[in-house]
Protein backbone atom coordinates (compact mmCIF):
# COMPACT_ATOMS: atom_id res chain seq x y z
CA MET A 1 164.45 132.21 99.59
CA ALA A 2 160.74 132.69 100.30
CA ASP A 3 160.21 134.23 96.83
CA GLN A 4 162.54 131.86 94.98
CA LYS A 5 161.93 128.32 93.88
CA LEU A 6 163.68 125.54 95.75
CA ARG A 7 166.34 124.23 93.39
CA VAL A 8 166.48 120.44 93.60
CA ALA A 9 168.77 117.85 92.03
CA PHE A 10 167.78 114.22 91.60
CA ILE A 11 170.59 111.83 92.52
CA GLY A 12 169.53 108.57 90.92
CA CYS A 13 166.85 108.41 88.23
CA GLY A 14 165.63 104.82 88.49
CA GLY A 15 162.06 103.63 88.90
CA ILE A 16 161.32 105.07 92.35
CA ALA A 17 162.43 108.55 91.22
CA GLY A 18 159.21 108.88 89.28
CA ARG A 19 157.14 109.13 92.46
CA HIS A 20 159.11 112.11 93.72
CA ALA A 21 159.29 113.71 90.27
CA LYS A 22 155.53 113.56 89.87
CA ALA A 23 154.98 115.20 93.25
CA LEU A 24 157.64 117.90 92.88
CA LEU A 25 156.79 118.79 89.28
CA GLY A 26 153.33 119.58 90.55
CA ASP A 27 154.68 121.89 93.27
CA SER A 28 155.10 125.49 92.11
CA ARG A 29 157.64 126.12 94.89
CA VAL A 30 160.14 123.66 93.40
CA GLU A 31 162.35 123.50 90.31
CA ILE A 32 164.14 120.27 89.41
CA THR A 33 167.38 121.67 88.05
CA HIS A 34 169.72 118.67 87.61
CA LEU A 35 169.49 114.94 86.97
CA VAL A 36 172.35 112.75 88.18
CA ASP A 37 172.83 109.11 87.24
CA PRO A 38 175.84 107.15 85.91
CA SER A 39 173.46 105.18 83.66
CA THR A 40 172.53 106.90 80.40
CA GLU A 41 169.77 104.32 79.97
CA SER A 42 168.18 105.35 83.28
CA LEU A 43 168.39 109.02 82.32
CA THR A 44 166.82 108.36 78.91
CA ARG A 45 163.93 106.37 80.41
CA PHE A 46 163.38 109.03 83.07
CA ARG A 47 163.20 111.83 80.49
CA GLU A 48 160.75 109.78 78.42
CA ARG A 49 158.50 109.48 81.47
CA PHE A 50 158.80 113.18 82.27
CA PRO A 51 159.09 115.29 79.08
CA ASP A 52 159.01 118.48 81.18
CA LEU A 53 162.55 117.57 82.29
CA ALA A 54 163.87 117.04 78.76
CA ASP A 55 166.15 120.10 78.90
CA VAL A 56 167.36 119.70 82.48
CA PRO A 57 171.17 119.25 82.65
CA GLU A 58 172.39 115.74 83.41
CA LEU A 59 175.56 114.58 85.14
CA SER A 60 177.09 111.25 86.10
CA ASP A 61 178.67 112.50 89.38
CA TYR A 62 176.52 114.11 92.07
CA ARG A 63 179.37 116.25 93.37
CA GLY A 64 179.05 118.45 90.31
CA VAL A 65 175.65 119.82 91.36
CA LEU A 66 176.06 120.49 95.07
CA ASP A 67 176.99 124.17 94.74
CA ALA A 68 174.11 124.87 92.36
CA VAL A 69 171.11 123.61 94.32
CA ASP A 70 169.25 124.00 97.63
CA GLY A 71 168.37 120.36 98.11
CA VAL A 72 168.80 116.85 96.75
CA VAL A 73 166.51 113.86 96.34
CA ILE A 74 168.62 110.71 96.77
CA GLN A 75 167.42 107.52 95.07
CA SER A 76 170.73 105.73 94.61
CA PRO A 77 171.76 102.22 95.78
CA HIS A 78 171.48 101.93 99.55
CA THR A 79 175.17 101.77 100.43
CA PHE A 80 175.75 105.11 98.68
CA HIS A 81 173.28 106.99 100.89
CA HIS A 82 175.58 107.69 103.83
CA GLU A 83 178.35 109.32 101.80
CA GLN A 84 175.94 111.25 99.59
CA ILE A 85 173.92 112.59 102.52
CA MET A 86 176.97 113.56 104.55
CA THR A 87 178.48 115.35 101.53
CA ALA A 88 175.19 117.14 100.83
CA LEU A 89 175.05 118.29 104.44
CA ASP A 90 178.63 119.57 104.12
CA HIS A 91 177.20 121.86 101.44
CA LYS A 92 174.29 122.87 103.73
CA LEU A 93 171.72 121.19 101.50
CA HIS A 94 168.34 119.77 102.47
CA VAL A 95 167.89 116.05 101.75
CA LEU A 96 165.02 113.78 100.82
CA CYS A 97 166.35 110.21 100.74
CA GLU A 98 164.80 106.92 99.78
CA LYS A 99 164.84 104.21 102.42
CA PRO A 100 166.89 103.00 104.10
CA LEU A 101 168.60 106.23 105.12
CA ALA A 102 171.64 104.18 106.14
CA CYS A 103 172.64 100.52 106.24
CA THR A 104 174.28 100.52 109.68
CA VAL A 105 173.46 101.98 113.07
CA ALA A 106 176.76 103.84 113.14
CA HIS A 107 176.05 105.55 109.81
CA ALA A 108 172.50 106.41 110.85
CA LYS A 109 173.75 108.07 114.02
CA GLU A 110 176.37 110.05 112.08
CA ILE A 111 173.71 111.38 109.71
CA VAL A 112 171.36 112.31 112.55
CA GLU A 113 174.11 114.16 114.40
CA LYS A 114 175.17 116.06 111.30
CA THR A 115 171.55 116.90 110.53
CA ARG A 116 171.26 118.39 114.00
CA ARG A 117 174.44 120.44 113.63
CA THR A 118 173.67 121.76 110.15
CA ARG A 119 169.97 122.33 110.90
CA ARG A 120 168.99 121.05 107.48
CA LYS A 121 165.77 119.20 106.70
CA VAL A 122 166.50 115.51 106.12
CA GLN A 123 163.51 113.33 105.38
CA ILE A 124 163.34 109.56 104.78
CA ALA A 125 160.85 108.46 102.13
CA TYR A 126 158.80 106.25 104.44
CA GLN A 127 155.63 107.15 102.57
CA ARG A 128 153.53 104.77 104.66
CA ARG A 129 153.68 107.42 107.36
CA THR A 130 151.42 109.54 105.13
CA TRP A 131 148.90 106.76 104.41
CA PRO A 132 145.63 107.64 106.19
CA ALA A 133 144.95 103.97 106.96
CA LEU A 134 148.27 103.45 108.73
CA GLN A 135 148.00 106.83 110.46
CA THR A 136 144.66 105.57 111.80
CA ILE A 137 146.29 102.40 113.14
CA ALA A 138 149.04 104.42 114.81
CA GLU A 139 146.49 106.77 116.39
CA TYR A 140 144.34 103.90 117.71
CA ALA A 141 147.40 102.16 119.14
CA LYS A 142 148.86 105.27 120.77
CA SER A 143 145.61 106.69 122.13
CA GLY A 144 144.57 103.54 123.96
CA ARG A 145 141.40 103.11 121.92
CA LEU A 146 142.40 99.45 121.52
CA GLY A 147 143.30 99.21 125.17
CA ARG A 148 146.71 97.98 126.25
CA ARG A 149 148.84 97.03 123.23
CA GLN A 150 149.30 93.26 123.21
CA PHE A 151 150.11 91.94 119.75
CA ILE A 152 151.20 93.14 116.30
CA SER A 153 151.43 90.99 113.21
CA ALA A 154 152.46 91.90 109.68
CA VAL A 155 153.05 90.01 106.45
CA LEU A 156 154.64 91.70 103.46
CA SER A 157 154.94 89.52 100.39
CA GLN A 158 156.08 90.30 96.86
CA ALA A 159 158.01 88.76 93.97
CA TRP A 160 161.18 90.60 95.00
CA LEU A 161 163.34 87.54 94.32
CA GLN A 162 162.19 87.36 90.72
CA GLN A 163 161.72 91.06 89.95
CA GLN A 164 165.09 92.18 91.32
CA LYS A 165 167.12 89.31 89.87
CA GLY A 166 170.38 90.62 88.44
CA THR A 167 169.89 94.14 89.80
CA TRP A 168 171.93 96.04 92.41
CA ARG A 169 169.32 95.22 95.04
CA GLN A 170 170.59 91.64 95.19
CA ARG A 171 174.27 92.66 95.34
CA PRO A 172 175.28 93.11 99.00
CA HIS A 173 177.97 95.74 98.36
CA LEU A 174 175.31 98.00 96.79
CA SER A 175 172.12 97.03 98.66
CA GLY A 176 173.56 96.56 102.14
CA GLY A 177 171.19 93.62 102.58
CA GLY A 178 168.20 91.94 101.01
CA GLU A 179 164.43 92.30 101.11
CA LEU A 180 164.51 93.20 104.81
CA ASN A 181 166.68 96.25 104.08
CA ASP A 182 164.57 97.22 101.08
CA SER A 183 160.78 96.93 101.21
CA GLY A 184 161.09 95.46 104.70
CA SER A 185 162.52 98.75 105.93
CA HIS A 186 159.03 100.23 105.62
CA ILE A 187 157.62 97.44 107.75
CA MET A 188 160.26 97.86 110.46
CA ASP A 189 159.51 101.59 110.58
CA CYS A 190 155.78 100.93 110.95
CA LEU A 191 156.36 98.27 113.59
CA ILE A 192 158.28 100.74 115.77
CA TRP A 193 155.66 103.42 115.05
CA PHE A 194 152.70 101.23 116.04
CA ALA A 195 154.47 99.72 119.05
CA GLY A 196 155.66 103.06 120.37
CA GLY A 197 159.32 102.02 120.44
CA LEU A 198 161.84 99.27 119.92
CA PRO A 199 161.36 95.76 121.31
CA GLU A 200 163.71 94.52 124.01
CA GLU A 201 164.47 91.33 122.09
CA VAL A 202 164.07 89.79 118.65
CA THR A 203 164.53 86.32 117.22
CA ALA A 204 164.68 85.65 113.49
CA TYR A 205 165.29 83.17 110.71
CA ASP A 206 165.98 84.03 107.08
CA HIS A 207 166.65 82.33 103.76
CA ALA A 208 168.55 83.61 100.72
CA ARG A 209 166.71 81.38 98.19
CA GLY A 210 169.89 80.88 96.20
CA THR A 211 171.00 84.53 96.21
CA LYS A 212 173.62 86.41 98.24
CA VAL A 213 171.08 88.38 100.30
CA ASP A 214 168.13 87.65 102.59
CA ILE A 215 164.93 87.04 100.62
CA ASP A 216 162.49 85.62 103.19
CA THR A 217 162.64 86.53 106.89
CA THR A 218 160.45 85.62 109.86
CA ILE A 219 160.74 87.67 113.05
CA ASN A 220 159.38 87.40 116.57
CA ALA A 221 159.77 90.26 119.03
CA LYS A 222 158.82 91.13 122.59
CA TRP A 223 158.61 94.36 124.54
CA LYS A 224 159.09 95.01 128.26
CA SER A 225 155.38 95.83 128.45
CA GLY A 226 154.55 92.25 127.48
CA MET A 227 153.53 93.12 123.93
CA LEU A 228 154.52 90.58 121.28
CA ALA A 229 154.96 90.76 117.51
CA SER A 230 155.24 88.31 114.63
CA ILE A 231 156.46 89.67 111.29
CA ALA A 232 157.10 87.97 107.93
CA ILE A 233 158.99 89.65 105.09
CA VAL A 234 158.53 87.34 102.11
CA GLY A 235 160.40 88.26 98.96
CA SER A 236 159.78 85.01 97.09
CA ALA A 237 155.98 85.25 96.84
CA TRP A 238 153.47 86.94 94.57
CA PRO A 239 151.35 88.94 94.05
CA PHE A 240 152.20 91.94 96.25
CA SER A 241 150.35 91.87 99.55
CA GLU A 242 150.59 93.73 102.85
CA ARG A 243 148.58 92.84 105.94
CA TRP A 244 148.67 94.20 109.50
CA ILE A 245 146.93 93.10 112.69
CA VAL A 246 147.19 95.34 115.74
CA SER A 247 145.49 93.93 118.81
CA GLY A 248 144.92 95.37 122.26
CA SER A 249 143.00 94.47 125.39
CA LYS A 250 139.87 96.24 124.06
CA GLY A 251 139.95 95.64 120.32
CA THR A 252 141.71 94.66 117.13
CA LEU A 253 142.39 96.46 113.85
CA VAL A 254 143.14 94.63 110.59
CA PHE A 255 144.60 96.38 107.54
CA GLU A 256 144.59 94.60 104.18
CA GLY A 257 143.99 95.67 100.60
CA GLY A 258 144.11 99.32 101.62
CA LYS A 259 141.14 98.90 103.97
CA ILE A 260 140.78 98.75 107.78
CA ARG A 261 138.36 96.69 109.82
CA LEU A 262 137.83 97.06 113.56
CA VAL A 263 136.33 94.83 116.21
CA ASP A 264 135.95 96.31 119.69
CA GLN A 265 133.53 93.85 121.30
CA PRO A 266 134.27 90.29 122.48
CA HIS A 267 132.16 88.64 119.77
CA GLY A 268 132.22 91.26 117.03
CA PRO A 269 130.86 92.45 114.74
CA TRP A 270 133.62 93.66 112.43
CA GLN A 271 133.25 97.28 111.40
CA ASP A 272 134.73 99.05 108.38
CA VAL A 273 136.80 102.10 109.35
CA GLU A 274 136.49 104.95 106.85
CA VAL A 275 139.82 106.42 105.73
CA PRO A 276 140.66 108.83 102.89
CA PRO A 277 142.60 107.55 99.86
CA ARG A 278 146.36 107.68 100.15
CA ASP A 279 148.66 110.12 98.32
CA ASP A 280 152.27 108.95 98.09
CA GLY A 281 153.31 112.42 96.91
CA LEU A 282 152.71 113.80 100.39
CA ILE A 283 156.10 112.64 101.66
CA SER A 284 157.84 114.81 99.04
CA ARG A 285 155.60 117.82 99.54
CA ASN A 286 155.94 117.58 103.32
CA TRP A 287 159.71 117.89 102.87
CA VAL A 288 159.17 121.10 100.90
CA ASP A 289 156.70 122.35 103.53
CA ALA A 290 159.33 121.78 106.22
CA ILE A 291 161.96 123.72 104.26
CA ARG A 292 159.72 126.61 103.26
CA ASN A 293 157.28 126.90 106.16
CA GLY A 294 158.89 125.07 109.09
CA ALA A 295 156.38 122.21 109.01
CA GLN A 296 157.23 119.12 111.05
CA LEU A 297 158.79 116.36 108.98
CA VAL A 298 156.66 113.23 108.75
CA SER A 299 159.69 110.92 108.70
CA PRO A 300 162.81 112.74 109.97
CA ALA A 301 166.35 111.39 109.88
CA ARG A 302 166.24 110.26 113.51
CA SER A 303 163.67 107.59 112.54
CA ALA A 304 166.51 105.72 110.85
CA ILE A 305 168.26 104.88 114.09
CA GLY A 306 165.54 102.58 115.39
CA VAL A 307 165.03 100.96 112.00
CA THR A 308 168.73 100.16 111.58
CA GLN A 309 168.93 98.92 115.18
CA ILE A 310 166.14 96.40 114.74
CA THR A 311 167.36 95.44 111.26
CA GLU A 312 170.88 94.70 112.52
CA ALA A 313 169.44 92.72 115.44
CA ILE A 314 167.33 90.61 113.06
CA TRP A 315 170.34 89.84 110.87
CA LYS A 316 172.40 88.90 113.93
CA SER A 317 169.68 86.61 115.29
CA ALA A 318 169.23 84.89 111.93
CA ALA A 319 173.01 84.42 111.63
CA LYS A 320 172.97 82.77 115.07
CA GLY A 321 170.23 80.33 114.11
CA GLY A 322 167.39 82.26 115.73
CA LYS A 323 169.00 83.09 119.06
CA PRO A 324 167.54 86.16 120.84
CA VAL A 325 169.28 89.50 120.20
CA LYS A 326 168.65 92.88 121.79
CA PRO A 327 168.31 95.78 119.32
């Protein structure tokens, strides 16, 4: 295996697949050997974007490739992930899966347990875990450089309502949920990462904006330590924006527009924190590093359990009119 290329099949060739294709095509240790998608239009567009894959065999059913590859990159509709991952693990394959890994806590736990038993490398594509700016926030929060963690705020806004109109992402049987379960999954993962664990209680409100899934969601959370959080996932706004505030007893960090500012004195001043540019391809290459060299996964399967726990709690609270729910 050490002298052979890692044979990888792409399951799903929609827009997000391009990020992983770009990273893996540039990795000499990997060969993309199969493209799987029931949509001929998606396959045609994908090949146009990546002419190097023009001669790669294509299939409509992922089961036809599982005995011919070493790993799969799953970029299918969310509710397909559980079955596809479990089947891939039955074939002892490594898995890189787009978020969310699963749409329920029960499914997430099943995947994690099977990952443990098969000893395969299963990575979730939470690429924010590779962003230097957010790694800096996590390090400041964990190390105590901001003092005792007291408050976290985040606002993610994008035109998800308009851009995803008519697509599978707004069909509950395929998406498993709305904006919270899609782009919001990244934010829930970061919230747990920065906080150091799940909150003891959440309250939430959401609005479907005329669709069948949640579009806008507001969330409040509290931890046993006394830390609080206020999060907004806004799918009906534009342009795209992401903002974080992480505040402790000795300082505050603000992330916006890809930049971080720090204040660590009672009356300022604000300081710019230098961070390297981000590389979204790292999440894919880290998966290969883990398979080939035993590197630690940046975003392993077990991360999905906490994300699905808090996501389910938010949905339950919103369904109950904002009543507190324990994740």
